[in-house]
Amino acid sequence: MIRNGHSGSSAERELGSRRPVRVWCDGCFDMVHYGHSNQLRQARAMGDYLIAGVHTDEEISCHKGPPVFTQEERYKMVRAIKWVDEIVPGAPYVTTLETLDKYNCDFCVHGNDITLTVDGKDTYEEVKTAGRYRECQRTQGVSTTDLVGRMLLMTKTHHSVGVNSDYQQHRDNFGKDARGCSPWTGVSQFLQTSQKIMQFASGKEPEPGDTIIYVAGAFDLFHIGHIDFLEKVHSLAPKPYIIVGLHFDQEVNVYKGKNYPIMNIHERTLSVLACRYVSEVVIGAPYAVTADLIDHFKVDMVYHGKTEVLPDKDGSDPYAVSPHPPPHTHTLSIRTYSKHGVNSSSRIAGPNTPLSAPVMSNTRGTIVCLSLRPRR
């Protein structure tokens, strides 16, 4: 279990009488992944206020080729990253001093890789020459190109293998490790990435009056559909505390098949932790929402979208939990606005390839509230 939040961020520093340091960070932010989020996190740590400039579809097509997601979708994805204070839609592809001055930014931040225009020029040459450029570390092990390769090549080598031997035992013994070292805390499976996880999660605890909401799933290739869902759920309570349960790679592969998930449990954890609507992540959550889980996390509500929910291995409904008192249920409307759909795999591979999957389209669906505990 990893708690999310903003404690210790630059927004909470005592600025005193000094002027806040304003930071500019721009990019395409197409198929947003935790590498993008980590760049924005590092940029935010260099100042007090982060402005993210997002390029238009036209600019990206001119210099790199057509993006996977539309500019409106990319704007919303970047807004949802918790370290971003403001976005600038339609930011120019070449970063200039005029842009920094227009938004009162002291400097811009970019990763330690070179970005070139279509004619081979460094897009940050002007601000570098003026001394208003800072560099952050590029996140190793992830890139949009790598993710596209996983989809097209149908590989499974990216799946986490650290949980195979104990997987069934973990499913059958949820919440029974008194030392807090069960897979539900994520500690035993994430020692090799614990530093990165702690950088993404800053430990926000539930407060009195919070409505604790639980949602679960793969959250693979964290995309605009996930953002729409979490944003809607976040709006359903005055003080929401959203816990996201992430299923292990093996579990996801059982109900999605092919080479899913495209991102392994480590990568999906970081992607979800970067979302401003998420308070806590349960790593390797059980497929079935159990009464033990609801009691353990003191869950008030459980939500899921109107997508097909496959039965558990024993044929039971994974959301058929019967807490006491019995749950109340209701539905709420939600719209996903993408006219092309929001499934990244479908966009990359195309509708006629073996990898294509059902797509969220521009139709009304529902968020279903499955269980509601009495207010504490």
Protein backbone atom coordinates (compact mmCIF):
# COMPACT_ATOMS: atom_id res chain seq x y z
CA MET A 1 0.00 0.00 0.00
CA ILE A 2 1.44 3.33 -1.05
CA ARG A 3 -0.07 6.57 0.22
CA ASN A 4 -0.15 9.47 -2.16
CA GLY A 5 -0.23 13.21 -1.57
CA HIS A 6 1.67 16.46 -1.73
CA SER A 7 3.31 16.86 1.68
CA GLY A 8 6.83 18.13 1.41
CA SER A 9 6.26 19.59 -2.05
CA SER A 10 7.55 23.01 -3.02
CA ALA A 11 4.00 24.39 -2.81
CA GLU A 12 4.15 23.98 0.96
CA ARG A 13 7.48 25.64 1.54
CA GLU A 14 7.61 28.81 3.53
CA LEU A 15 8.47 31.38 0.88
CA GLY A 16 8.70 34.29 3.26
CA SER A 17 9.20 37.54 1.40
CA ARG A 18 11.03 36.08 -1.58
CA ARG A 19 9.44 35.86 -5.00
CA PRO A 20 8.26 32.36 -5.98
CA VAL A 21 10.46 30.64 -8.54
CA ARG A 22 8.41 29.89 -11.66
CA VAL A 23 9.49 26.95 -13.81
CA TRP A 24 8.62 26.17 -17.42
CA CYS A 25 8.59 22.60 -18.77
CA ASP A 26 7.23 21.82 -22.23
CA GLY A 27 6.76 18.78 -24.41
CA CYS A 28 4.46 16.67 -26.58
CA PHE A 29 3.30 14.54 -23.63
CA ASP A 30 1.84 11.95 -25.98
CA MET A 31 0.94 8.59 -24.43
CA VAL A 32 1.79 10.09 -21.04
CA HIS A 33 3.76 7.66 -18.88
CA TYR A 34 5.63 7.82 -15.59
CA GLY A 35 8.75 9.08 -17.36
CA HIS A 36 6.88 12.25 -18.29
CA SER A 37 5.53 12.50 -14.75
CA ASN A 38 9.01 12.08 -13.28
CA GLN A 39 10.35 14.88 -15.46
CA LEU A 40 7.57 17.17 -14.24
CA ARG A 41 8.22 16.09 -10.64
CA GLN A 42 11.90 16.99 -10.96
CA ALA A 43 11.06 20.29 -12.63
CA ARG A 44 8.62 21.19 -9.85
CA ALA A 45 11.29 20.44 -7.23
CA MET A 46 13.53 23.10 -8.80
CA GLY A 47 11.06 25.89 -8.06
CA ASP A 48 7.75 26.84 -6.48
CA TYR A 49 5.32 26.96 -9.40
CA LEU A 50 5.38 24.71 -12.47
CA ILE A 51 3.90 25.64 -15.84
CA ALA A 52 3.71 22.82 -18.38
CA GLY A 53 3.56 23.82 -22.03
CA VAL A 54 1.91 21.27 -24.31
CA HIS A 55 2.43 21.33 -28.09
CA THR A 56 -0.43 21.19 -30.59
CA ASP A 57 -1.13 18.29 -32.92
CA GLU A 58 -0.02 20.47 -35.84
CA GLU A 59 3.36 21.31 -34.27
CA ILE A 60 4.06 17.69 -33.35
CA SER A 61 3.06 16.44 -36.81
CA CYS A 62 5.43 18.95 -38.39
CA HIS A 63 8.48 17.98 -36.33
CA LYS A 64 7.93 14.36 -35.25
CA GLY A 65 4.89 12.90 -36.98
CA PRO A 66 1.24 12.63 -35.91
CA PRO A 67 0.58 12.10 -32.19
CA VAL A 68 -1.45 9.17 -30.85
CA PHE A 69 -3.66 11.32 -28.62
CA THR A 70 -5.32 14.58 -29.58
CA GLN A 71 -4.13 17.87 -28.13
CA GLU A 72 -7.26 18.22 -25.99
CA GLU A 73 -6.65 14.77 -24.50
CA ARG A 74 -2.99 15.57 -23.89
CA TYR A 75 -3.91 18.85 -22.19
CA LYS A 76 -6.20 17.03 -19.79
CA MET A 77 -3.66 14.29 -19.08
CA VAL A 78 -0.98 16.83 -18.12
CA ARG A 79 -3.44 18.82 -15.97
CA ALA A 80 -4.08 15.65 -13.98
CA ILE A 81 -0.42 15.21 -13.01
CA LYS A 82 -0.14 16.37 -9.41
CA TRP A 83 3.08 18.37 -9.75
CA VAL A 84 1.67 20.65 -12.46
CA ASP A 85 0.27 23.99 -11.30
CA GLU A 86 -0.78 25.32 -14.70
CA ILE A 87 -0.70 24.26 -18.33
CA VAL A 88 -0.27 26.33 -21.47
CA PRO A 89 -2.11 24.77 -24.40
CA GLY A 90 -0.49 25.23 -27.79
CA ALA A 91 3.02 25.94 -26.51
CA PRO A 92 5.53 26.53 -29.34
CA TYR A 93 7.75 23.59 -30.25
CA VAL A 94 10.88 25.76 -30.01
CA THR A 95 11.33 27.21 -26.52
CA THR A 96 12.27 30.89 -26.60
CA LEU A 97 13.06 33.64 -24.14
CA GLU A 98 9.88 35.37 -25.30
CA THR A 99 7.84 32.40 -24.06
CA LEU A 100 9.59 32.32 -20.68
CA ASP A 101 9.10 36.07 -20.24
CA LYS A 102 5.45 35.91 -21.31
CA TYR A 103 4.66 33.50 -18.46
CA ASN A 104 7.11 35.09 -15.98
CA CYS A 105 9.21 31.93 -15.78
CA ASP A 106 12.75 32.07 -14.43
CA PHE A 107 14.00 29.10 -16.46
CA CYS A 108 12.88 26.01 -18.31
CA VAL A 109 13.63 22.37 -17.49
CA HIS A 110 14.16 19.45 -19.85
CA GLY A 111 15.60 15.96 -19.61
CA ASN A 112 19.20 15.14 -20.49
CA ASP A 113 18.33 14.13 -24.04
CA ILE A 114 18.39 16.35 -27.11
CA THR A 115 15.18 17.52 -28.80
CA LEU A 116 15.54 18.68 -32.39
CA THR A 117 13.34 20.53 -34.85
CA VAL A 118 12.54 19.07 -38.26
CA ASP A 119 15.62 20.85 -39.65
CA GLY A 120 17.93 19.49 -36.94
CA LYS A 121 18.20 22.48 -34.60
CA ASP A 122 18.22 22.21 -30.81
CA THR A 123 14.81 23.41 -29.61
CA TYR A 124 16.37 24.81 -26.41
CA GLU A 125 19.38 26.55 -27.99
CA GLU A 126 18.17 30.09 -27.26
CA VAL A 127 17.38 29.54 -23.57
CA LYS A 128 20.59 27.55 -23.07
CA THR A 129 22.65 30.43 -24.46
CA ALA A 130 20.86 32.85 -22.13
CA GLY A 131 21.54 30.68 -19.06
CA ARG A 132 17.86 30.01 -18.43
CA TYR A 133 17.93 26.27 -18.96
CA ARG A 134 18.10 23.53 -16.33
CA GLU A 135 18.49 19.83 -16.92
CA CYS A 136 16.89 16.91 -15.10
CA GLN A 137 17.60 13.20 -15.31
CA ARG A 138 15.75 11.24 -17.96
CA THR A 139 13.88 8.27 -16.46
CA GLN A 140 15.61 5.06 -17.44
CA GLY A 141 13.65 2.04 -18.64
CA VAL A 142 10.62 3.72 -20.17
CA SER A 143 9.86 5.53 -23.40
CA THR A 144 6.92 5.91 -25.72
CA THR A 145 8.87 3.97 -28.34
CA ASP A 146 9.37 1.06 -25.95
CA LEU A 147 5.66 0.96 -25.06
CA VAL A 148 4.69 0.97 -28.74
CA GLY A 149 7.15 -1.87 -29.32
CA ARG A 150 5.57 -3.96 -26.58
CA MET A 151 2.17 -3.55 -28.21
CA LEU A 152 3.27 -4.30 -31.74
CA LEU A 153 5.62 -7.19 -30.92
CA MET A 154 3.16 -8.80 -28.48
CA THR A 155 5.93 -9.40 -25.93
CA LYS A 156 5.44 -10.49 -22.32
CA THR A 157 9.03 -10.05 -21.15
CA HIS A 158 8.07 -6.79 -19.43
CA HIS A 159 5.71 -8.56 -17.01
CA SER A 160 6.87 -8.65 -13.41
CA VAL A 161 8.12 -12.11 -12.44
CA GLY A 162 8.95 -11.37 -8.82
CA VAL A 163 5.57 -12.51 -7.53
CA ASN A 164 5.06 -15.80 -9.36
CA SER A 165 5.96 -18.29 -6.63
CA ASP A 166 3.98 -16.60 -3.88
CA TYR A 167 1.12 -15.29 -5.98
CA GLN A 168 -1.57 -17.81 -5.00
CA GLN A 169 -0.55 -17.63 -1.34
CA HIS A 170 -0.90 -13.84 -1.42
CA ARG A 171 -4.38 -14.11 -2.93
CA ASP A 172 -5.49 -16.52 -0.20
CA ASN A 173 -3.97 -14.61 2.72
CA PHE A 174 -5.01 -11.02 2.12
CA GLY A 175 -4.30 -8.75 5.04
CA LYS A 176 -2.88 -11.48 7.32
CA ASP A 177 0.73 -10.36 7.50
CA ALA A 178 0.99 -8.51 10.82
CA ARG A 179 4.40 -7.12 9.87
CA GLY A 180 2.91 -5.19 6.97
CA CYS A 181 5.09 -7.01 4.44
CA SER A 182 2.34 -8.59 2.39
CA PRO A 183 1.92 -7.81 -1.33
CA TRP A 184 -0.91 -5.46 -0.40
CA THR A 185 1.67 -3.06 1.02
CA GLY A 186 3.87 -3.51 -2.03
CA VAL A 187 7.06 -3.70 0.02
CA SER A 188 8.17 -7.23 -0.79
CA GLN A 189 7.75 -6.82 -4.54
CA PHE A 190 9.08 -3.28 -4.85
CA LEU A 191 12.38 -3.13 -2.99
CA GLN A 192 14.22 -2.56 -6.27
CA THR A 193 12.08 0.51 -7.05
CA SER A 194 11.22 1.71 -3.55
CA GLN A 195 13.14 4.98 -3.91
CA LYS A 196 11.24 5.96 -7.04
CA ILE A 197 7.92 5.00 -5.49
CA MET A 198 8.60 7.11 -2.41
CA GLN A 199 9.49 10.05 -4.65
CA PHE A 200 6.09 9.72 -6.30
CA ALA A 201 4.11 9.09 -3.09
CA SER A 202 4.39 11.39 -0.10
CA GLY A 203 2.18 9.65 2.44
CA LYS A 204 -1.10 11.51 2.74
CA GLU A 205 -3.21 9.94 5.50
CA PRO A 206 -7.04 9.94 5.56
CA GLU A 207 -8.45 12.77 7.64
CA PRO A 208 -11.65 12.95 9.71
CA GLY A 209 -14.59 13.54 7.40
CA ASP A 210 -12.91 12.02 4.34
CA THR A 211 -15.00 9.70 2.19
CA ILE A 212 -12.80 6.69 1.46
CA ILE A 213 -13.49 5.44 -2.06
CA TYR A 214 -12.05 2.24 -3.54
CA VAL A 215 -11.62 1.53 -7.25
CA ALA A 216 -9.71 -1.37 -8.77
CA GLY A 217 -8.38 -2.56 -12.10
CA ALA A 218 -5.35 -2.82 -14.33
CA PHE A 219 -5.06 0.91 -15.14
CA ASP A 220 -2.77 -0.13 -17.97
CA LEU A 221 -1.23 2.55 -20.21
CA PHE A 222 -2.82 5.17 -17.95
CA HIS A 223 -4.90 7.24 -20.37
CA ILE A 224 -7.63 9.84 -20.74
CA GLY A 225 -10.40 7.32 -19.99
CA HIS A 226 -8.80 6.57 -16.61
CA ILE A 227 -8.51 10.30 -15.92
CA ASP A 228 -12.18 10.90 -16.80
CA PHE A 229 -13.20 8.07 -14.49
CA LEU A 230 -11.06 9.16 -11.53
CA GLU A 231 -12.02 12.81 -11.96
CA LYS A 232 -15.70 11.88 -11.87
CA VAL A 233 -15.25 9.66 -8.82
CA HIS A 234 -13.28 12.44 -7.13
CA SER A 235 -16.22 14.81 -7.63
CA LEU A 236 -18.67 12.52 -5.84
CA ALA A 237 -17.70 13.50 -2.30
CA PRO A 238 -16.80 16.80 -0.59
CA LYS A 239 -13.56 15.29 0.80
CA PRO A 240 -12.69 12.23 -1.30
CA TYR A 241 -9.84 9.89 -0.41
CA ILE A 242 -9.44 7.60 -3.42
CA ILE A 243 -7.68 4.26 -3.06
CA VAL A 244 -6.74 2.52 -6.32
CA GLY A 245 -6.26 -1.23 -6.21
CA LEU A 246 -3.86 -2.46 -8.91
CA HIS A 247 -3.97 -6.10 -9.96
CA PHE A 248 -0.77 -8.10 -10.44
CA ASP A 249 0.41 -8.70 -14.01
CA GLN A 250 -0.58 -12.36 -13.85
CA GLU A 251 -4.09 -11.45 -12.75
CA VAL A 252 -4.50 -8.88 -15.52
CA ASN A 253 -3.26 -11.33 -18.13
CA VAL A 254 -5.87 -13.87 -17.00
CA TYR A 255 -8.81 -11.55 -17.65
CA LYS A 256 -7.41 -9.49 -20.55
CA GLY A 257 -5.35 -12.13 -22.37
CA LYS A 258 -2.83 -11.61 -25.19
CA ASN A 259 0.24 -9.77 -23.85
CA TYR A 260 -1.62 -7.52 -21.43
CA PRO A 261 -0.78 -5.64 -19.34
CA ILE A 262 1.46 -3.56 -21.58
CA MET A 263 2.97 -1.92 -18.49
CA ASN A 264 4.02 -4.07 -15.56
CA ILE A 265 2.85 -3.61 -11.98
CA HIS A 266 5.84 -1.40 -11.11
CA GLU A 267 5.19 0.95 -14.03
CA ARG A 268 1.43 1.06 -13.50
CA THR A 269 1.96 1.95 -9.85
CA LEU A 270 4.04 5.00 -10.73
CA SER A 271 1.58 6.09 -13.42
CA VAL A 272 -1.35 6.02 -10.99
CA LEU A 273 0.60 7.65 -8.15
CA ALA A 274 1.28 10.65 -10.39
CA CYS A 275 -2.46 11.38 -10.70
CA ARG A 276 -3.72 14.25 -8.54
CA TYR A 277 -7.05 12.50 -7.88
CA VAL A 278 -5.45 9.44 -6.26
CA SER A 279 -4.65 9.33 -2.54
CA GLU A 280 -3.38 5.78 -2.11
CA VAL A 281 -2.44 2.71 -4.16
CA VAL A 282 -2.80 -0.94 -3.15
CA ILE A 283 -0.20 -2.89 -5.10
CA GLY A 284 -1.36 -6.34 -6.09
CA ALA A 285 -4.94 -5.92 -4.90
CA PRO A 286 -7.14 -9.04 -4.99
CA TYR A 287 -9.42 -9.38 -8.00
CA ALA A 288 -12.49 -9.81 -5.81
CA VAL A 289 -13.46 -6.91 -3.55
CA THR A 290 -13.81 -8.65 -0.21
CA ALA A 291 -15.37 -7.66 3.09
CA ASP A 292 -11.88 -7.96 4.61
CA LEU A 293 -10.56 -5.40 2.14
CA ILE A 294 -13.41 -2.99 2.86
CA ASP A 295 -12.92 -3.34 6.61
CA HIS A 296 -9.12 -3.12 6.40
CA PHE A 297 -9.14 0.19 4.52
CA LYS A 298 -12.39 1.46 6.10
CA VAL A 299 -13.89 1.91 2.65
CA ASP A 300 -17.10 3.94 2.37
CA MET A 301 -17.78 3.40 -1.33
CA VAL A 302 -16.65 1.12 -4.13
CA TYR A 303 -16.96 2.31 -7.73
CA HIS A 304 -16.30 0.84 -11.14
CA GLY A 305 -17.00 1.96 -14.69
CA LYS A 306 -19.57 0.41 -16.98
CA THR A 307 -17.19 -2.09 -18.53
CA GLU A 308 -17.46 -5.85 -18.61
CA VAL A 309 -16.43 -7.46 -15.32
CA LEU A 310 -15.39 -11.08 -15.73
CA PRO A 311 -16.26 -13.59 -12.99
CA ASP A 312 -13.62 -14.59 -10.47
CA LYS A 313 -11.91 -17.96 -10.89
CA ASP A 314 -14.66 -19.68 -8.92
CA GLY A 315 -17.33 -18.13 -11.13
CA SER A 316 -18.45 -15.56 -8.55
CA ASP A 317 -19.02 -11.85 -9.12
CA PRO A 318 -15.86 -10.05 -7.88
CA TYR A 319 -18.05 -7.14 -6.76
CA ALA A 320 -20.66 -9.24 -4.94
CA VAL A 321 -19.28 -8.37 -1.51
CA SER A 322 -21.95 -8.09 1.16
CA PRO A 323 -20.74 -5.78 3.90
CA HIS A 324 -22.89 -5.02 6.90
CA PRO A 325 -25.23 -3.24 6.57
CA PRO A 326 -26.11 -4.30 2.99
CA PRO A 327 -24.86 -1.89 0.32
CA HIS A 328 -26.87 0.80 -1.39
CA THR A 329 -26.34 1.09 -5.15
CA HIS A 330 -26.81 3.88 -7.64
CA THR A 331 -25.42 4.94 -11.01
CA LEU A 332 -23.94 8.18 -12.25
CA SER A 333 -23.45 9.35 -15.82
CA ILE A 334 -20.01 10.02 -17.28
CA ARG A 335 -18.88 11.01 -20.74
CA THR A 336 -15.60 10.15 -22.41
CA TYR A 337 -15.17 12.69 -25.17
CA SER A 338 -12.63 11.00 -27.42
CA LYS A 339 -14.17 10.49 -30.84
CA HIS A 340 -11.46 7.95 -31.66
CA GLY A 341 -11.66 6.06 -28.37
CA VAL A 342 -9.17 6.04 -25.54
CA ASN A 343 -7.57 2.61 -25.70
CA SER A 344 -3.90 3.20 -26.50
CA SER A 345 -3.37 -0.28 -27.92
CA SER A 346 -6.20 0.15 -30.41
CA ARG A 347 -4.81 3.45 -31.62
CA ILE A 348 -1.31 2.10 -32.11
CA ALA A 349 -2.15 -1.27 -33.59
CA GLY A 350 -5.29 -0.34 -35.49
CA PRO A 351 -8.70 -2.01 -35.53
CA ASN A 352 -7.69 -4.93 -37.76
CA THR A 353 -4.69 -6.18 -35.81
CA PRO A 354 -4.82 -9.02 -33.27
CA LEU A 355 -3.95 -6.59 -30.48
CA SER A 356 -6.98 -4.34 -30.84
CA ALA A 357 -9.37 -4.20 -27.90
CA PRO A 358 -12.80 -2.72 -27.16
CA VAL A 359 -12.60 1.06 -27.18
CA MET A 360 -14.34 3.65 -25.00
CA SER A 361 -16.25 5.71 -27.55
CA ASN A 362 -18.13 9.00 -27.45
CA THR A 363 -21.17 7.54 -25.70
CA ARG A 364 -22.63 7.87 -22.25
CA GLY A 365 -21.70 5.22 -19.73
CA THR A 366 -22.11 4.89 -16.00
CA ILE A 367 -20.07 4.72 -12.87
CA VAL A 368 -21.64 2.21 -10.54
CA CYS A 369 -21.53 2.60 -6.78
CA LEU A 370 -21.42 -0.93 -5.43
CA SER A 371 -21.08 -0.61 -1.69
CA LEU A 372 -21.62 2.09 0.87
CA ARG A 373 -20.69 1.88 4.53
CA PRO A 374 -22.47 4.06 7.08
CA ARG A 375 -20.68 7.32 7.73
CA ARG A 376 -18.24 7.06 10.61
